[in-house]
Amino acid sequence: MKIARESVIIAIIGLADLVTTVTWVSYHGAQEANPVFAHYLSLGLGWFAFMKLVLLAAPIYLLEWARRRRPKFTLNASRFAIGAYCGLYVIGVAHLNPGMLRPKSAEASVYPSTAYAIKHQKNRRGADKPAVPLARGQEKGSSPSPVRQAIAANL
């Protein structure tokens, strides 16, 4: 029997999800949004990939089995699953990993938003001294990075 086009699309989306998750977790420090798969990811990439494939193949098999009995319902359920999978994937990536695609260095993240914030914030130390916000991981009382000092000097 021929596999439905919707089942193939679900399989492609699931495999793309697997590949992008493994890539982003391995190289960009991303997180898995699904708590079930986050558990499997904590066991290792092998377990994660295995369980992802099993839990992707099982619903596709059930959809194909049900398609012979209730084709119209299965078609609608498959299309809903495609939309829900894509929507939840985008929401999960955006919510858990908002800075994943941004540069990791502090100097790269200084421009332009930090310069704007420094220029437009109220100065509690006096009008002649621009306030320099603390960088991530910088302790209060330590000097800011050279890039932040240069920005503050040019204000």
N, C-alpha and C. Protein backbone atom coordinates (compact mmCIF):
# COMPACT_ATOMS: atom_id res chain seq x y z
N MET A 1 0.84 -1.18 0.00
CA MET A 1 0.00 0.00 0.00
C MET A 1 0.88 1.25 0.00
N LYS A 2 0.45 2.24 -0.71
CA LYS A 2 1.19 3.49 -0.82
C LYS A 2 1.04 4.32 0.46
N ILE A 3 2.16 4.95 0.88
CA ILE A 3 2.15 5.80 2.07
C ILE A 3 1.60 7.17 1.68
N ALA A 4 0.76 7.72 2.54
CA ALA A 4 0.14 9.01 2.27
C ALA A 4 1.18 10.13 2.25
N ARG A 5 0.91 11.12 1.44
CA ARG A 5 1.81 12.28 1.32
C ARG A 5 1.97 12.97 2.68
N GLU A 6 0.89 13.05 3.46
CA GLU A 6 0.95 13.70 4.77
C GLU A 6 1.87 12.94 5.73
N SER A 7 1.87 11.61 5.64
CA SER A 7 2.77 10.80 6.48
C SER A 7 4.22 11.06 6.11
N VAL A 8 4.49 11.20 4.84
CA VAL A 8 5.86 11.51 4.39
C VAL A 8 6.27 12.89 4.90
N ILE A 9 5.36 13.85 4.84
CA ILE A 9 5.67 15.21 5.32
C ILE A 9 5.95 15.19 6.82
N ILE A 10 5.14 14.45 7.59
CA ILE A 10 5.38 14.34 9.03
C ILE A 10 6.75 13.72 9.29
N ALA A 11 7.10 12.69 8.52
CA ALA A 11 8.41 12.04 8.69
C ALA A 11 9.55 13.01 8.37
N ILE A 12 9.40 13.80 7.32
CA ILE A 12 10.44 14.77 6.94
C ILE A 12 10.58 15.84 8.02
N ILE A 13 9.46 16.34 8.52
CA ILE A 13 9.51 17.35 9.59
C ILE A 13 10.18 16.77 10.83
N GLY A 14 9.82 15.54 11.20
CA GLY A 14 10.41 14.89 12.37
C GLY A 14 11.91 14.67 12.22
N LEU A 15 12.34 14.25 11.03
CA LEU A 15 13.77 14.06 10.79
C LEU A 15 14.51 15.39 10.79
N ALA A 16 13.90 16.42 10.23
CA ALA A 16 14.52 17.75 10.27
C ALA A 16 14.62 18.24 11.71
N ASP A 17 13.59 17.98 12.50
CA ASP A 17 13.61 18.33 13.93
C ASP A 17 14.75 17.61 14.63
N LEU A 18 14.91 16.33 14.36
CA LEU A 18 15.99 15.55 14.96
C LEU A 18 17.36 16.11 14.60
N VAL A 19 17.58 16.35 13.31
CA VAL A 19 18.88 16.85 12.85
C VAL A 19 19.18 18.24 13.42
N THR A 20 18.20 19.14 13.37
CA THR A 20 18.46 20.49 13.87
C THR A 20 18.65 20.49 15.38
N THR A 21 17.89 19.67 16.10
CA THR A 21 18.05 19.61 17.55
C THR A 21 19.43 19.10 17.92
N VAL A 22 19.87 18.01 17.30
CA VAL A 22 21.19 17.47 17.61
C VAL A 22 22.28 18.47 17.24
N THR A 23 22.14 19.14 16.12
CA THR A 23 23.14 20.13 15.69
C THR A 23 23.17 21.31 16.65
N TRP A 24 22.02 21.88 16.96
CA TRP A 24 21.98 23.07 17.81
C TRP A 24 22.38 22.75 19.24
N VAL A 25 22.01 21.57 19.73
CA VAL A 25 22.41 21.19 21.10
C VAL A 25 23.92 20.96 21.15
N SER A 26 24.45 20.31 20.13
CA SER A 26 25.88 19.98 20.13
C SER A 26 26.77 21.19 19.90
N TYR A 27 26.38 22.10 19.03
CA TYR A 27 27.27 23.18 18.63
C TYR A 27 26.88 24.58 19.11
N HIS A 28 25.63 24.76 19.54
CA HIS A 28 25.19 26.10 19.91
C HIS A 28 24.64 26.19 21.34
N GLY A 29 24.64 25.09 22.08
CA GLY A 29 24.16 25.11 23.44
C GLY A 29 22.66 25.27 23.58
N ALA A 30 21.91 24.85 22.57
CA ALA A 30 20.45 24.96 22.61
C ALA A 30 19.87 23.94 23.59
N GLN A 31 18.58 24.04 23.84
CA GLN A 31 17.87 23.12 24.73
C GLN A 31 16.73 22.46 23.97
N GLU A 32 16.32 21.29 24.45
CA GLU A 32 15.15 20.61 23.89
C GLU A 32 13.90 21.15 24.58
N ALA A 33 12.89 21.54 23.81
CA ALA A 33 11.68 22.15 24.37
C ALA A 33 10.74 21.11 24.96
N ASN A 34 10.68 19.93 24.39
CA ASN A 34 9.78 18.89 24.85
C ASN A 34 10.37 18.22 26.09
N PRO A 35 9.68 18.24 27.23
CA PRO A 35 10.26 17.66 28.44
C PRO A 35 10.52 16.17 28.35
N VAL A 36 9.72 15.43 27.58
CA VAL A 36 9.96 13.99 27.41
C VAL A 36 11.28 13.78 26.67
N PHE A 37 11.46 14.50 25.57
CA PHE A 37 12.70 14.35 24.81
C PHE A 37 13.88 14.99 25.51
N ALA A 38 13.64 15.99 26.34
CA ALA A 38 14.74 16.57 27.14
C ALA A 38 15.31 15.50 28.08
N HIS A 39 14.43 14.64 28.60
CA HIS A 39 14.90 13.54 29.46
C HIS A 39 15.78 12.59 28.66
N TYR A 40 15.32 12.21 27.47
CA TYR A 40 16.12 11.30 26.65
C TYR A 40 17.43 11.95 26.22
N LEU A 41 17.41 13.25 25.98
CA LEU A 41 18.63 13.97 25.63
C LEU A 41 19.62 13.95 26.79
N SER A 42 19.10 14.01 28.01
CA SER A 42 19.99 13.96 29.17
C SER A 42 20.67 12.59 29.30
N LEU A 43 20.10 11.56 28.70
CA LEU A 43 20.70 10.22 28.69
C LEU A 43 21.77 10.08 27.62
N GLY A 44 21.80 10.99 26.67
CA GLY A 44 22.79 10.96 25.60
C GLY A 44 22.14 11.11 24.23
N LEU A 45 22.95 11.50 23.25
CA LEU A 45 22.42 11.72 21.90
C LEU A 45 21.91 10.44 21.26
N GLY A 46 22.53 9.30 21.57
CA GLY A 46 22.08 8.02 21.01
C GLY A 46 20.66 7.68 21.45
N TRP A 47 20.40 7.78 22.76
CA TRP A 47 19.06 7.52 23.28
C TRP A 47 18.07 8.52 22.72
N PHE A 48 18.47 9.77 22.66
CA PHE A 48 17.60 10.81 22.14
C PHE A 48 17.18 10.49 20.71
N ALA A 49 18.15 10.20 19.84
CA ALA A 49 17.86 9.92 18.43
C ALA A 49 17.00 8.67 18.29
N PHE A 50 17.33 7.63 19.05
CA PHE A 50 16.56 6.38 18.98
C PHE A 50 15.10 6.61 19.37
N MET A 51 14.89 7.27 20.50
CA MET A 51 13.52 7.50 20.97
C MET A 51 12.77 8.47 20.05
N LYS A 52 13.48 9.43 19.49
CA LYS A 52 12.85 10.36 18.56
C LYS A 52 12.34 9.60 17.33
N LEU A 53 13.15 8.69 16.82
CA LEU A 53 12.74 7.90 15.65
C LEU A 53 11.59 6.95 15.99
N VAL A 54 11.65 6.30 17.15
CA VAL A 54 10.58 5.38 17.55
C VAL A 54 9.27 6.14 17.73
N LEU A 55 9.35 7.27 18.44
CA LEU A 55 8.13 8.04 18.71
C LEU A 55 7.68 8.87 17.52
N LEU A 56 8.43 8.86 16.45
CA LEU A 56 7.99 9.45 15.19
C LEU A 56 7.36 8.37 14.30
N ALA A 57 7.98 7.19 14.26
CA ALA A 57 7.50 6.11 13.40
C ALA A 57 6.17 5.53 13.90
N ALA A 58 5.99 5.42 15.22
CA ALA A 58 4.78 4.80 15.76
C ALA A 58 3.51 5.56 15.36
N PRO A 59 3.44 6.88 15.54
CA PRO A 59 2.22 7.58 15.11
C PRO A 59 2.00 7.54 13.60
N ILE A 60 3.08 7.56 12.84
CA ILE A 60 2.93 7.46 11.38
C ILE A 60 2.35 6.10 11.01
N TYR A 61 2.83 5.06 11.67
CA TYR A 61 2.28 3.73 11.42
C TYR A 61 0.79 3.68 11.77
N LEU A 62 0.43 4.25 12.92
CA LEU A 62 -0.98 4.28 13.31
C LEU A 62 -1.84 5.09 12.34
N LEU A 63 -1.31 6.20 11.86
CA LEU A 63 -2.05 7.00 10.87
C LEU A 63 -2.27 6.20 9.58
N GLU A 64 -1.24 5.48 9.15
CA GLU A 64 -1.37 4.68 7.93
C GLU A 64 -2.36 3.53 8.13
N TRP A 65 -2.35 2.92 9.31
CA TRP A 65 -3.29 1.84 9.62
C TRP A 65 -4.72 2.40 9.64
N ALA A 66 -4.92 3.55 10.28
CA ALA A 66 -6.25 4.14 10.39
C ALA A 66 -6.75 4.68 9.06
N ARG A 67 -5.84 5.02 8.18
CA ARG A 67 -6.23 5.60 6.89
C ARG A 67 -7.07 4.62 6.07
N ARG A 68 -6.83 3.32 6.23
CA ARG A 68 -7.61 2.33 5.49
C ARG A 68 -9.05 2.26 5.99
N ARG A 69 -9.27 2.60 7.26
CA ARG A 69 -10.60 2.50 7.85
C ARG A 69 -11.37 3.82 7.79
N ARG A 70 -10.69 4.92 8.06
CA ARG A 70 -11.34 6.23 8.08
C ARG A 70 -10.45 7.24 7.35
N PRO A 71 -10.44 7.21 6.04
CA PRO A 71 -9.49 8.04 5.28
C PRO A 71 -9.69 9.54 5.45
N LYS A 72 -10.91 10.02 5.49
CA LYS A 72 -11.14 11.47 5.61
C LYS A 72 -10.69 11.98 6.98
N PHE A 73 -11.06 11.28 8.05
CA PHE A 73 -10.63 11.66 9.39
C PHE A 73 -9.10 11.64 9.50
N THR A 74 -8.48 10.61 8.98
CA THR A 74 -7.02 10.48 9.06
C THR A 74 -6.33 11.58 8.27
N LEU A 75 -6.89 11.94 7.13
CA LEU A 75 -6.32 13.04 6.34
C LEU A 75 -6.35 14.34 7.14
N ASN A 76 -7.50 14.64 7.75
CA ASN A 76 -7.60 15.85 8.55
C ASN A 76 -6.69 15.80 9.78
N ALA A 77 -6.62 14.66 10.44
CA ALA A 77 -5.75 14.51 11.61
C ALA A 77 -4.28 14.68 11.22
N SER A 78 -3.90 14.14 10.08
CA SER A 78 -2.51 14.27 9.61
C SER A 78 -2.17 15.73 9.31
N ARG A 79 -3.07 16.41 8.67
CA ARG A 79 -2.82 17.82 8.35
C ARG A 79 -2.77 18.68 9.61
N PHE A 80 -3.62 18.37 10.57
CA PHE A 80 -3.56 19.07 11.85
C PHE A 80 -2.22 18.80 12.53
N ALA A 81 -1.77 17.54 12.50
CA ALA A 81 -0.49 17.17 13.11
C ALA A 81 0.68 17.92 12.47
N ILE A 82 0.64 18.10 11.15
CA ILE A 82 1.69 18.84 10.46
C ILE A 82 1.73 20.28 10.95
N GLY A 83 0.57 20.93 11.00
CA GLY A 83 0.52 22.31 11.47
C GLY A 83 0.93 22.45 12.92
N ALA A 84 0.45 21.52 13.77
CA ALA A 84 0.79 21.59 15.20
C ALA A 84 2.28 21.35 15.41
N TYR A 85 2.86 20.39 14.70
CA TYR A 85 4.29 20.09 14.84
C TYR A 85 5.12 21.31 14.45
N CYS A 86 4.81 21.90 13.32
CA CYS A 86 5.56 23.09 12.88
C CYS A 86 5.38 24.25 13.86
N GLY A 87 4.16 24.50 14.28
CA GLY A 87 3.90 25.60 15.21
C GLY A 87 4.60 25.41 16.55
N LEU A 88 4.49 24.22 17.12
CA LEU A 88 5.15 23.95 18.40
C LEU A 88 6.67 23.99 18.28
N TYR A 89 7.18 23.57 17.13
CA TYR A 89 8.62 23.61 16.92
C TYR A 89 9.13 25.06 16.93
N VAL A 90 8.45 25.92 16.21
CA VAL A 90 8.85 27.33 16.14
C VAL A 90 8.72 28.00 17.52
N ILE A 91 7.62 27.74 18.20
CA ILE A 91 7.41 28.33 19.53
C ILE A 91 8.47 27.83 20.51
N GLY A 92 8.76 26.54 20.48
CA GLY A 92 9.76 25.97 21.38
C GLY A 92 11.15 26.55 21.16
N VAL A 93 11.56 26.67 19.91
CA VAL A 93 12.87 27.23 19.59
C VAL A 93 12.93 28.69 20.03
N ALA A 94 11.91 29.44 19.72
CA ALA A 94 11.92 30.87 20.07
C ALA A 94 11.89 31.09 21.58
N HIS A 95 11.14 30.26 22.29
CA HIS A 95 11.00 30.46 23.73
C HIS A 95 12.24 30.02 24.51
N LEU A 96 12.78 28.86 24.19
CA LEU A 96 13.90 28.32 24.97
C LEU A 96 15.26 28.83 24.52
N ASN A 97 15.38 29.24 23.29
CA ASN A 97 16.68 29.58 22.75
C ASN A 97 16.66 30.91 22.02
N PRO A 98 16.25 31.99 22.67
CA PRO A 98 16.10 33.26 21.95
C PRO A 98 17.41 33.80 21.41
N GLY A 99 18.53 33.54 22.04
CA GLY A 99 19.80 34.08 21.58
C GLY A 99 20.65 33.07 20.86
N MET A 100 20.05 31.94 20.44
CA MET A 100 20.84 30.87 19.85
C MET A 100 21.56 31.28 18.57
N LEU A 101 20.95 32.11 17.77
CA LEU A 101 21.56 32.47 16.49
C LEU A 101 22.39 33.75 16.57
N ARG A 102 22.43 34.38 17.75
CA ARG A 102 23.24 35.58 17.92
C ARG A 102 24.68 35.19 18.21
N PRO A 103 25.62 36.10 17.93
CA PRO A 103 27.02 35.82 18.26
C PRO A 103 27.19 35.63 19.76
N LYS A 104 28.16 34.78 20.15
CA LYS A 104 28.35 34.47 21.55
C LYS A 104 29.26 35.44 22.28
N SER A 105 30.10 36.19 21.57
CA SER A 105 31.04 37.07 22.25
C SER A 105 30.34 38.30 22.78
N ALA A 106 30.82 38.81 23.92
CA ALA A 106 30.21 39.99 24.54
C ALA A 106 30.41 41.21 23.66
N GLU A 107 31.55 41.32 23.00
CA GLU A 107 31.82 42.48 22.16
C GLU A 107 30.88 42.52 20.96
N ALA A 108 30.51 41.35 20.43
CA ALA A 108 29.62 41.32 19.27
C ALA A 108 28.20 41.72 19.66
N SER A 109 27.82 41.50 20.91
CA SER A 109 26.47 41.83 21.31
C SER A 109 26.34 43.26 21.82
N VAL A 110 27.44 44.02 21.88
CA VAL A 110 27.40 45.38 22.38
C VAL A 110 26.67 46.30 21.42
N TYR A 111 26.86 46.13 20.12
CA TYR A 111 26.27 47.01 19.14
C TYR A 111 24.97 46.44 18.62
N PRO A 112 23.96 47.17 18.28
CA PRO A 112 23.77 48.57 18.59
C PRO A 112 22.97 48.79 19.86
N SER A 113 22.32 47.73 20.39
CA SER A 113 21.37 47.94 21.48
C SER A 113 22.02 48.45 22.76
N THR A 114 23.22 47.98 23.09
CA THR A 114 23.87 48.44 24.32
C THR A 114 24.27 49.90 24.20
N ALA A 115 24.77 50.30 23.04
CA ALA A 115 25.16 51.70 22.84
C ALA A 115 23.94 52.60 22.99
N TYR A 116 22.81 52.18 22.46
CA TYR A 116 21.58 52.96 22.58
C TYR A 116 21.16 53.06 24.05
N ALA A 117 21.23 51.93 24.76
CA ALA A 117 20.83 51.93 26.17
C ALA A 117 21.73 52.81 27.01
N ILE A 118 23.04 52.77 26.75
CA ILE A 118 23.98 53.59 27.50
C ILE A 118 23.70 55.06 27.24
N LYS A 119 23.44 55.41 25.99
CA LYS A 119 23.24 56.81 25.62
C LYS A 119 21.95 57.37 26.20
N HIS A 120 20.92 56.54 26.33
CA HIS A 120 19.61 57.04 26.71
C HIS A 120 19.19 56.73 28.15
N GLN A 121 20.03 56.08 28.93
CA GLN A 121 19.64 55.82 30.32
C GLN A 121 19.92 57.02 31.20
N LYS A 122 19.19 57.10 32.30
CA LYS A 122 19.41 58.20 33.24
C LYS A 122 20.68 57.93 34.02
N ASN A 123 21.47 58.97 34.17
CA ASN A 123 22.75 58.84 34.84
C ASN A 123 22.60 59.24 36.30
N ARG A 124 22.78 58.27 37.20
CA ARG A 124 22.63 58.53 38.62
C ARG A 124 23.93 59.05 39.25
N ARG A 125 25.02 58.97 38.52
CA ARG A 125 26.31 59.40 39.07
C ARG A 125 26.66 60.83 38.70
N GLY A 126 25.85 61.47 37.92
CA GLY A 126 26.14 62.85 37.50
C GLY A 126 26.03 62.97 36.00
N ALA A 127 25.72 64.14 35.53
CA ALA A 127 25.49 64.35 34.10
C ALA A 127 26.76 64.22 33.28
N ASP A 128 27.93 64.44 33.89
CA ASP A 128 29.17 64.41 33.11
C ASP A 128 29.77 63.02 32.99
N LYS A 129 29.27 62.05 33.74
CA LYS A 129 29.82 60.70 33.70
C LYS A 129 28.78 59.74 33.12
N PRO A 130 29.02 59.22 31.93
CA PRO A 130 28.06 58.27 31.37
C PRO A 130 28.10 56.95 32.14
N ALA A 131 26.95 56.35 32.37
CA ALA A 131 26.87 55.07 33.07
C ALA A 131 27.19 53.95 32.10
N VAL A 132 28.01 53.03 32.53
CA VAL A 132 28.36 51.87 31.71
C VAL A 132 27.76 50.65 32.39
N PRO A 133 26.83 49.94 31.73
CA PRO A 133 26.23 48.77 32.38
C PRO A 133 27.24 47.65 32.52
N LEU A 134 27.03 46.79 33.50
CA LEU A 134 27.91 45.65 33.72
C LEU A 134 27.70 44.63 32.61
N ALA A 135 28.78 44.02 32.17
CA ALA A 135 28.71 42.95 31.18
C ALA A 135 28.29 41.67 31.89
N ARG A 136 27.85 40.69 31.14
CA ARG A 136 27.50 39.41 31.73
C ARG A 136 28.70 38.84 32.45
N GLY A 137 28.52 38.45 33.68
CA GLY A 137 29.59 37.84 34.45
C GLY A 137 30.53 38.85 35.10
N GLN A 138 30.36 40.13 34.83
CA GLN A 138 31.24 41.16 35.40
C GLN A 138 30.74 41.51 36.79
N GLU A 139 31.67 41.56 37.74
CA GLU A 139 31.31 41.89 39.12
C GLU A 139 31.25 43.39 39.29
N LYS A 140 30.42 43.82 40.24
CA LYS A 140 30.30 45.24 40.52
C LYS A 140 31.63 45.73 41.09
N GLY A 141 32.10 46.86 40.63
CA GLY A 141 33.37 47.42 41.07
C GLY A 141 34.52 47.12 40.13
N SER A 142 34.40 46.09 39.26
CA SER A 142 35.46 45.81 38.30
C SER A 142 35.27 46.70 37.08
N SER A 143 36.33 46.89 36.33
CA SER A 143 36.25 47.79 35.18
C SER A 143 35.54 47.11 34.02
N PRO A 144 34.79 47.87 33.23
CA PRO A 144 34.10 47.30 32.08
C PRO A 144 35.09 46.95 30.96
N SER A 145 34.61 46.20 29.99
CA SER A 145 35.46 45.80 28.87
C SER A 145 35.90 47.03 28.08
N PRO A 146 37.00 46.91 27.34
CA PRO A 146 37.47 48.05 26.52
C PRO A 146 36.43 48.55 25.53
N VAL A 147 35.62 47.64 25.00
CA VAL A 147 34.59 48.05 24.03
C VAL A 147 33.55 48.92 24.73
N ARG A 148 33.11 48.50 25.92
CA ARG A 148 32.12 49.28 26.67
C ARG A 148 32.71 50.63 27.10
N GLN A 149 34.00 50.67 27.46
CA GLN A 149 34.64 51.95 27.81
C GLN A 149 34.67 52.87 26.62
N ALA A 150 34.97 52.33 25.42
CA ALA A 150 35.02 53.15 24.22
C ALA A 150 33.65 53.72 23.89
N ILE A 151 32.61 52.92 24.06
CA ILE A 151 31.26 53.40 23.79
C ILE A 151 30.92 54.53 24.75
N ALA A 152 31.21 54.32 26.03
CA ALA A 152 30.90 55.34 27.02
C ALA A 152 31.69 56.63 26.77
N ALA A 153 32.93 56.52 26.30
CA ALA A 153 33.76 57.70 26.04
C ALA A 153 33.23 58.52 24.88
N ASN A 154 32.58 57.88 23.91
CA ASN A 154 32.09 58.57 22.74
C ASN A 154 30.71 59.17 22.91
N LEU A 155 30.09 58.97 24.05
CA LEU A 155 28.73 59.49 24.25
C LEU A 155 28.71 60.97 24.48
